Amino acid sequence: MGARFYADQCSAGDGVYRAPEDAAQILSWEKPQLPLVRKQLSPVRSDSAQNVATSVNSHPVAQCTTGAFAMLVQHAFEISKTGLIEPEIPDRTLPQLPDGVWGINAAAARGVHPDKGLQIYIHPWSQMGRGDDCELLLDGNVVDQYTIIKDVDIGQRVTLYVAPRHLTATKNTQDVSSCAGQGVTDAAGWLIHFQQQDQQPQRQCSLSSLVPSQFMASLTAHQGIDDDWSIQPTQLQVRNWDSDAPGQIPIQALFYDATKTGAMLGAQKDQRDYFNATGDWLPVLRMDLTQAPDAVFGFDQQDQLYIGYQLASRLNDRYTETSPTCQNGKTAYYCNGVLLRGTQASTAFHMWNPSPGSVANNGVSFTYLRVDAALTKPVFKQGFIVRESAAPTATLLTVMCAYPFDGATAVPVEDTCRIRSGMCNELGVTDVQAWASRYAASPGSSCAFNIDPAQFQLNIDVRPSVPNGDGWNEVMIRTWPQNIPLQIPLEAFFYSLNAYFDSDGLPQAQFGQRDYFETTGRFLPIVKLELEAADGRVFSYNPQEQIAPGAPAAILIVPGSDL
């Protein structure tokens, strides 16, 4: 067995020697945040055993291995300190500061070798030979290693690296506060000084943020002024940081003032910018300083830009779920499929309100998307999506009936479920064959199916009998009151690249999203609809498409009687 020498123990052959407790202290590096070096010397036989050297001045600690039959000849704290030369760090600051600290150029640490990190030169050591193992330590942990295996390496310096993940940028911080120089070090003294300065903010002195008692005094003094001053924020000066490396800044969260209109939008932009720069999401918190101390900060999932990914996943799951009934026996739209309404963006009305025609007919047209319905396109390139009917909501949206193709419900009628005749079940249309014999040649004249599970499923099952029929269906929902966006189960805005009517889908969806935010103060994601998606995941989300101003429709499309 070889002999390996550690700071507090060395084993040789079948014996173990443990050095006194102070040996570890003798070998400890006074600034453990800097690299340490462990060097393993070439094997030597016991008949030529030599002293091994360890440098403990300002950098390295050496760890040496002798040959198979070597024996320890000196205690750790008695070893010579001249065997190793201090590691060389290119571009380190010189000379060192009075307190013994010196720095490393940030560009040298991260820019010269961005993949490898900080470069360290280990100069040749005595008795250097093949088999020597040189290890670089940082805070006691090996961060790089090199073994001498070629004769050409003997007598040459060894180059090792501290990987970027191990590096922490620090600065020699000078206390720039001004109060102490004027004899002010506590809250009472600061308040007196502030009064002497006629309470002029620009003449106040600054307490130290580096001295805990003074930092606390700044908070106490802030509460000791009158109410007009105490409601104003304090100011903490922070030294500039590297804006090109946001991932290295210890940011914990982003926030917005919940009492300020539109503030959340700015926080979401910052959230997206941070994600674009780092690939990581920071949470957005609500801040309300009028609340109790334990309720000043709050988290709402709906405020986060990244919820769009989860939303798209839920929509795709509902789209691919084809059960004709829900667990409680209710009709499918209570738990699966996706109900969306294609509409237009305008400065004259809110996208989520029923149109005047819908109000007159007491029915609002929707499309029911589900994979087995084989829909190919919506009517409009933009609109909104509502949650499944079983989802809790203040105002329930009531499904009244369903047409398997376009129902031509734009014409004024008293009952949008009986435009041309009775309901399908009233006409004896209870299976695919019965429907096809009456309407396959003219699907736009179809009766409407009612909303019991069997009839609603039949509304889907009859579509394959008309291969070239409309790319959408039509589900009628009872008209709801105007201007209640937070009471109806809105889930998302959508846009599509393909639709019956051509328009600028994304800008109009963005306009609707911004209108919703300005009306409610809440965020509702925009998803993209691609019914032709090869992987069947027809809904997708892109954070880069969110929180943009968008634009209303240049010209409003008025559907004719055929829609």
Foldseek 3Di string as FASTA:
>chain_A
DKWKDDQAKIDADPDIDGADPCSNVLQDAPDLQAKAKEKEAEADAQVPDDADEAARDHHYGYMYIYHNHHDDDDGSNPGHRPFFDHKDFPQKDPDADPVRDTGHDPCQQCPPCPAFGTKIKGFAGPNHDFQMKMFMGHSRHTQWIDGRHDPVCHRGIDIHHRHPVSDADDDDDDWPWDQVVVVDQALVSQLVVCVVVVVDVVPGTGFTPVDVRSVVRVVVNLVVDDPVRVVDDDDDDDDDDPPLCVVNDPDQAAEFEPVDAPRLLVRQVVQVVVCVRPVDGGFYWYAYPVDDPVPRIDGDPQSHLVCQAVLLVLQLVLQADDDLADPVQFGSLQPGWWKWAAFFFDPVAAQPAADPLCVQQQKGKIFTHHVLLQFAAAAHQKGFTFHRQNDDFQDGWAWFWKQLADQLQSDRDNHSQQPDHAACVVVVNQALVSQCVPDLVPSNPGHIFGRRSSRVVRSSVNNVSNVPGHSTIIIIIGHDDGDDVRGGRTAAMEGEPDHNDDFDHLLRRQQSQVVCCSSPVTGHFYWYAHCPDPVSSGTDGDSVSHDDNGDTTPDGDRDDSSD
